N, C-alpha and C. Protein backbone atom coordinates (compact mmCIF):
# COMPACT_ATOMS: atom_id res chain seq x y z
N THR A 1 1.96 3.96 -18.80
CA THR A 1 1.53 3.73 -17.44
C THR A 1 1.63 5.01 -16.61
N VAL A 2 2.71 5.77 -16.83
CA VAL A 2 2.86 7.04 -16.11
C VAL A 2 1.71 7.97 -16.46
N SER A 3 1.36 8.04 -17.72
CA SER A 3 0.28 8.95 -18.13
C SER A 3 -1.06 8.51 -17.55
N LYS A 4 -1.28 7.21 -17.43
CA LYS A 4 -2.53 6.72 -16.82
C LYS A 4 -2.60 7.12 -15.35
N LEU A 5 -1.48 6.97 -14.65
CA LEU A 5 -1.45 7.37 -13.24
C LEU A 5 -1.64 8.88 -13.10
N GLN A 6 -1.05 9.65 -13.99
CA GLN A 6 -1.24 11.10 -13.96
C GLN A 6 -2.71 11.47 -14.13
N LEU A 7 -3.41 10.76 -15.03
CA LEU A 7 -4.85 11.02 -15.21
C LEU A 7 -5.63 10.70 -13.95
N VAL A 8 -5.29 9.60 -13.30
CA VAL A 8 -5.96 9.23 -12.05
C VAL A 8 -5.71 10.30 -10.99
N LEU A 9 -4.47 10.73 -10.86
CA LEU A 9 -4.14 11.76 -9.87
C LEU A 9 -4.89 13.06 -10.15
N GLN A 10 -5.03 13.43 -11.42
CA GLN A 10 -5.77 14.65 -11.78
C GLN A 10 -7.25 14.50 -11.46
N GLU A 11 -7.78 13.30 -11.64
CA GLU A 11 -9.20 13.07 -11.37
C GLU A 11 -9.49 12.99 -9.88
N VAL A 12 -8.68 12.22 -9.16
CA VAL A 12 -8.93 11.98 -7.73
C VAL A 12 -8.47 13.15 -6.86
N LYS A 13 -7.37 13.79 -7.23
CA LYS A 13 -6.80 14.91 -6.49
C LYS A 13 -6.57 14.56 -5.01
N PRO A 14 -5.78 13.53 -4.75
CA PRO A 14 -5.56 13.14 -3.35
C PRO A 14 -4.70 14.17 -2.61
N ASP A 15 -4.92 14.26 -1.31
CA ASP A 15 -4.07 15.09 -0.45
C ASP A 15 -2.88 14.27 0.05
N VAL A 16 -3.12 12.96 0.21
CA VAL A 16 -2.12 12.04 0.75
C VAL A 16 -2.11 10.77 -0.09
N VAL A 17 -0.92 10.28 -0.38
CA VAL A 17 -0.76 8.98 -1.03
C VAL A 17 0.16 8.15 -0.15
N ILE A 18 -0.22 6.90 0.09
CA ILE A 18 0.56 6.01 0.94
C ILE A 18 1.06 4.85 0.10
N LEU A 19 2.38 4.71 0.04
CA LEU A 19 3.04 3.68 -0.76
C LEU A 19 3.89 2.79 0.12
N PRO A 20 4.24 1.60 -0.36
CA PRO A 20 5.24 0.83 0.38
C PRO A 20 6.51 1.67 0.51
N TRP A 21 7.22 1.48 1.59
CA TRP A 21 8.45 2.22 1.86
C TRP A 21 9.37 2.15 0.65
N PHE A 22 9.96 3.25 0.24
CA PHE A 22 10.72 3.31 -1.01
C PHE A 22 11.99 2.47 -0.99
N LEU A 23 12.48 2.07 0.18
CA LEU A 23 13.67 1.21 0.24
C LEU A 23 13.31 -0.27 0.45
N ASP A 24 12.03 -0.60 0.31
CA ASP A 24 11.60 -1.99 0.41
C ASP A 24 12.33 -2.82 -0.66
N ASP A 25 12.69 -4.04 -0.33
CA ASP A 25 13.44 -4.89 -1.25
C ASP A 25 12.60 -5.50 -2.37
N HIS A 26 11.29 -5.51 -2.22
CA HIS A 26 10.45 -6.18 -3.22
C HIS A 26 10.44 -5.36 -4.52
N PRO A 27 10.72 -6.00 -5.66
CA PRO A 27 10.77 -5.25 -6.92
C PRO A 27 9.45 -4.58 -7.31
N ASP A 28 8.32 -5.18 -6.96
CA ASP A 28 7.03 -4.55 -7.26
C ASP A 28 6.86 -3.26 -6.45
N HIS A 29 7.32 -3.27 -5.20
CA HIS A 29 7.21 -2.09 -4.35
C HIS A 29 8.16 -1.00 -4.83
N GLN A 30 9.33 -1.39 -5.28
CA GLN A 30 10.27 -0.42 -5.86
C GLN A 30 9.69 0.19 -7.13
N ALA A 31 9.10 -0.67 -7.96
CA ALA A 31 8.49 -0.19 -9.22
C ALA A 31 7.34 0.78 -8.94
N ALA A 32 6.54 0.48 -7.92
CA ALA A 32 5.43 1.38 -7.57
C ALA A 32 5.95 2.75 -7.20
N ASN A 33 7.03 2.79 -6.45
CA ASN A 33 7.62 4.07 -6.05
C ASN A 33 8.20 4.83 -7.25
N ARG A 34 8.89 4.11 -8.14
CA ARG A 34 9.45 4.76 -9.33
C ARG A 34 8.33 5.31 -10.22
N LEU A 35 7.29 4.52 -10.39
CA LEU A 35 6.15 4.95 -11.20
C LEU A 35 5.51 6.20 -10.61
N PHE A 36 5.29 6.16 -9.30
CA PHE A 36 4.65 7.31 -8.66
C PHE A 36 5.54 8.54 -8.76
N ALA A 37 6.84 8.38 -8.54
CA ALA A 37 7.76 9.51 -8.63
C ALA A 37 7.73 10.12 -10.03
N ALA A 38 7.67 9.30 -11.05
CA ALA A 38 7.64 9.80 -12.43
C ALA A 38 6.32 10.49 -12.73
N ALA A 39 5.23 10.01 -12.13
CA ALA A 39 3.91 10.54 -12.44
C ALA A 39 3.56 11.79 -11.65
N CYS A 40 4.19 11.99 -10.52
CA CYS A 40 3.73 13.08 -9.64
C CYS A 40 4.79 14.13 -9.37
N ASP A 41 5.78 14.24 -10.21
CA ASP A 41 6.86 15.17 -9.90
C ASP A 41 6.41 16.62 -9.77
N ASP A 42 5.25 16.96 -10.31
CA ASP A 42 4.75 18.33 -10.17
C ASP A 42 3.42 18.38 -9.41
N THR A 43 3.15 17.34 -8.64
CA THR A 43 1.89 17.25 -7.89
C THR A 43 2.15 17.66 -6.44
N ASP A 44 1.27 18.46 -5.89
CA ASP A 44 1.41 18.92 -4.51
C ASP A 44 0.57 18.03 -3.59
N LEU A 45 1.22 17.04 -2.99
CA LEU A 45 0.54 16.16 -2.04
C LEU A 45 1.57 15.54 -1.11
N LEU A 46 1.08 14.98 -0.04
CA LEU A 46 1.93 14.32 0.95
C LEU A 46 2.06 12.85 0.57
N VAL A 47 3.28 12.35 0.46
CA VAL A 47 3.53 10.94 0.16
C VAL A 47 4.16 10.31 1.38
N LEU A 48 3.51 9.27 1.88
CA LEU A 48 4.00 8.54 3.05
C LEU A 48 4.34 7.12 2.67
N GLY A 49 5.28 6.51 3.39
CA GLY A 49 5.64 5.13 3.16
C GLY A 49 5.24 4.27 4.35
N TYR A 50 4.96 3.01 4.06
CA TYR A 50 4.63 2.08 5.15
C TYR A 50 5.48 0.83 5.03
N GLU A 51 5.73 0.22 6.17
CA GLU A 51 6.54 -0.99 6.26
C GLU A 51 5.68 -2.19 5.89
N ILE A 52 6.21 -3.08 5.07
CA ILE A 52 5.48 -4.26 4.63
C ILE A 52 5.77 -5.46 5.52
N TRP A 53 7.02 -5.72 5.79
CA TRP A 53 7.43 -7.00 6.36
C TRP A 53 7.46 -7.04 7.88
N ALA A 54 7.26 -5.94 8.54
CA ALA A 54 7.28 -5.93 10.00
C ALA A 54 6.14 -5.07 10.51
N MET A 55 5.63 -5.43 11.65
CA MET A 55 4.56 -4.64 12.26
C MET A 55 5.20 -3.63 13.21
N LEU A 56 5.44 -2.44 12.72
CA LEU A 56 6.04 -1.38 13.51
C LEU A 56 4.96 -0.54 14.16
N ASP A 57 5.32 0.18 15.19
CA ASP A 57 4.38 1.10 15.80
C ASP A 57 4.12 2.23 14.81
N PRO A 58 2.88 2.48 14.46
CA PRO A 58 2.58 3.53 13.48
C PRO A 58 2.81 4.92 14.05
N ASN A 59 3.13 5.85 13.18
CA ASN A 59 3.25 7.25 13.60
C ASN A 59 2.17 8.10 12.93
N ALA A 60 1.23 7.43 12.25
CA ALA A 60 0.09 8.12 11.64
C ALA A 60 -1.05 7.12 11.49
N TYR A 61 -2.26 7.60 11.61
CA TYR A 61 -3.45 6.79 11.43
C TYR A 61 -4.37 7.47 10.43
N PHE A 62 -5.04 6.66 9.59
CA PHE A 62 -5.98 7.19 8.63
C PHE A 62 -7.25 6.36 8.70
N ASP A 63 -8.39 7.03 8.78
CA ASP A 63 -9.67 6.35 8.79
C ASP A 63 -10.03 5.98 7.36
N ILE A 64 -9.98 4.68 7.06
CA ILE A 64 -10.29 4.21 5.70
C ILE A 64 -11.61 3.45 5.67
N THR A 65 -12.44 3.68 6.67
CA THR A 65 -13.71 2.95 6.79
C THR A 65 -14.50 2.96 5.49
N GLU A 66 -14.61 4.11 4.85
CA GLU A 66 -15.43 4.19 3.64
C GLU A 66 -14.80 3.44 2.46
N HIS A 67 -13.51 3.09 2.56
CA HIS A 67 -12.81 2.40 1.48
C HIS A 67 -12.45 0.95 1.83
N LEU A 68 -12.74 0.54 3.07
CA LEU A 68 -12.26 -0.75 3.56
C LEU A 68 -12.78 -1.93 2.75
N GLU A 69 -14.05 -1.95 2.44
CA GLU A 69 -14.61 -3.08 1.69
C GLU A 69 -13.93 -3.24 0.33
N ALA A 70 -13.74 -2.13 -0.37
CA ALA A 70 -13.07 -2.18 -1.68
C ALA A 70 -11.61 -2.60 -1.52
N LYS A 71 -10.95 -2.10 -0.50
CA LYS A 71 -9.54 -2.45 -0.27
C LYS A 71 -9.40 -3.95 0.00
N LEU A 72 -10.23 -4.51 0.84
CA LEU A 72 -10.16 -5.94 1.14
C LEU A 72 -10.46 -6.78 -0.10
N ALA A 73 -11.38 -6.33 -0.93
CA ALA A 73 -11.68 -7.04 -2.18
C ALA A 73 -10.46 -7.04 -3.09
N LEU A 74 -9.75 -5.92 -3.17
CA LEU A 74 -8.55 -5.84 -4.00
C LEU A 74 -7.42 -6.70 -3.45
N VAL A 75 -7.27 -6.72 -2.13
CA VAL A 75 -6.22 -7.52 -1.51
C VAL A 75 -6.38 -9.00 -1.84
N LYS A 76 -7.61 -9.44 -1.97
CA LYS A 76 -7.86 -10.86 -2.28
C LYS A 76 -7.34 -11.27 -3.65
N ASN A 77 -7.00 -10.30 -4.50
CA ASN A 77 -6.40 -10.60 -5.80
C ASN A 77 -4.96 -11.08 -5.67
N TYR A 78 -4.37 -10.93 -4.50
CA TYR A 78 -2.97 -11.28 -4.27
C TYR A 78 -2.89 -12.46 -3.32
N GLY A 79 -3.31 -13.62 -3.80
CA GLY A 79 -3.38 -14.82 -2.96
C GLY A 79 -2.08 -15.17 -2.28
N SER A 80 -0.94 -14.95 -2.94
CA SER A 80 0.34 -15.29 -2.34
C SER A 80 0.61 -14.45 -1.09
N GLN A 81 0.00 -13.30 -1.01
CA GLN A 81 0.23 -12.42 0.14
C GLN A 81 -0.67 -12.77 1.32
N LEU A 82 -1.62 -13.66 1.09
CA LEU A 82 -2.57 -13.99 2.14
C LEU A 82 -2.25 -15.30 2.85
N GLN A 83 -1.15 -15.91 2.50
CA GLN A 83 -0.77 -17.18 3.11
C GLN A 83 -0.40 -16.97 4.57
N GLU A 84 -1.00 -17.77 5.42
CA GLU A 84 -0.70 -17.66 6.84
C GLU A 84 0.76 -18.00 7.08
N GLY A 85 1.40 -17.19 7.90
CA GLY A 85 2.79 -17.45 8.25
C GLY A 85 3.78 -16.88 7.27
N ARG A 86 3.34 -16.24 6.24
CA ARG A 86 4.26 -15.64 5.27
C ARG A 86 5.12 -14.62 5.99
N ARG A 87 6.42 -14.69 5.77
CA ARG A 87 7.39 -13.75 6.34
C ARG A 87 7.41 -13.76 7.86
N GLY A 88 7.15 -14.88 8.46
CA GLY A 88 7.33 -14.92 9.91
C GLY A 88 6.12 -15.45 10.64
N LEU A 89 5.99 -15.01 11.86
CA LEU A 89 4.96 -15.53 12.74
C LEU A 89 3.57 -15.09 12.31
N ARG A 90 2.59 -15.92 12.65
CA ARG A 90 1.20 -15.57 12.37
C ARG A 90 0.90 -14.22 13.01
N GLY A 91 0.27 -13.37 12.26
CA GLY A 91 -0.05 -12.05 12.78
C GLY A 91 0.92 -10.99 12.29
N THR A 92 2.07 -11.42 11.77
CA THR A 92 3.02 -10.43 11.26
C THR A 92 2.93 -10.32 9.75
N SER A 93 2.12 -11.16 9.14
CA SER A 93 1.92 -11.07 7.69
C SER A 93 0.52 -10.54 7.43
N LEU A 94 0.28 -10.08 6.22
CA LEU A 94 -1.05 -9.62 5.85
C LEU A 94 -2.07 -10.73 6.04
N GLY A 95 -1.71 -11.94 5.59
CA GLY A 95 -2.61 -13.07 5.75
C GLY A 95 -2.91 -13.35 7.21
N GLY A 96 -1.89 -13.29 8.02
CA GLY A 96 -2.08 -13.51 9.46
C GLY A 96 -2.97 -12.48 10.08
N LEU A 97 -2.80 -11.23 9.69
CA LEU A 97 -3.64 -10.18 10.22
C LEU A 97 -5.09 -10.36 9.79
N LEU A 98 -5.31 -10.75 8.55
CA LEU A 98 -6.68 -10.99 8.09
C LEU A 98 -7.30 -12.16 8.83
N GLN A 99 -6.48 -13.16 9.18
CA GLN A 99 -6.99 -14.31 9.91
C GLN A 99 -7.42 -13.91 11.32
N LEU A 100 -6.77 -12.93 11.90
CA LEU A 100 -7.11 -12.48 13.26
C LEU A 100 -8.53 -11.95 13.33
N GLY A 101 -9.04 -11.43 12.21
CA GLY A 101 -10.38 -10.87 12.21
C GLY A 101 -11.48 -11.90 12.04
N LYS A 102 -11.10 -13.18 11.82
CA LYS A 102 -12.12 -14.22 11.60
C LYS A 102 -12.59 -14.82 12.90
């Protein structure tokens, strides 16, 4: 898996990679960070973390317009994450935020 990610990084050559915050409690988010750390130890790029469970005031913005359709299609693969009210009030979960756009 590390070698596959290394191939992707070599092909895409990103300047910035955004991952769930490395101290997030979710094991999948921790695994993503460990995988990325193992794959990119000699890669020169900016790695940023984002908060999953709370809607914090952002300190950076990225225009993902050209990738938005693909991103939303991928998010739909995670049905458990789209449940309204997950992790608190409507609007504080991914599902709640997606519902706001309807």
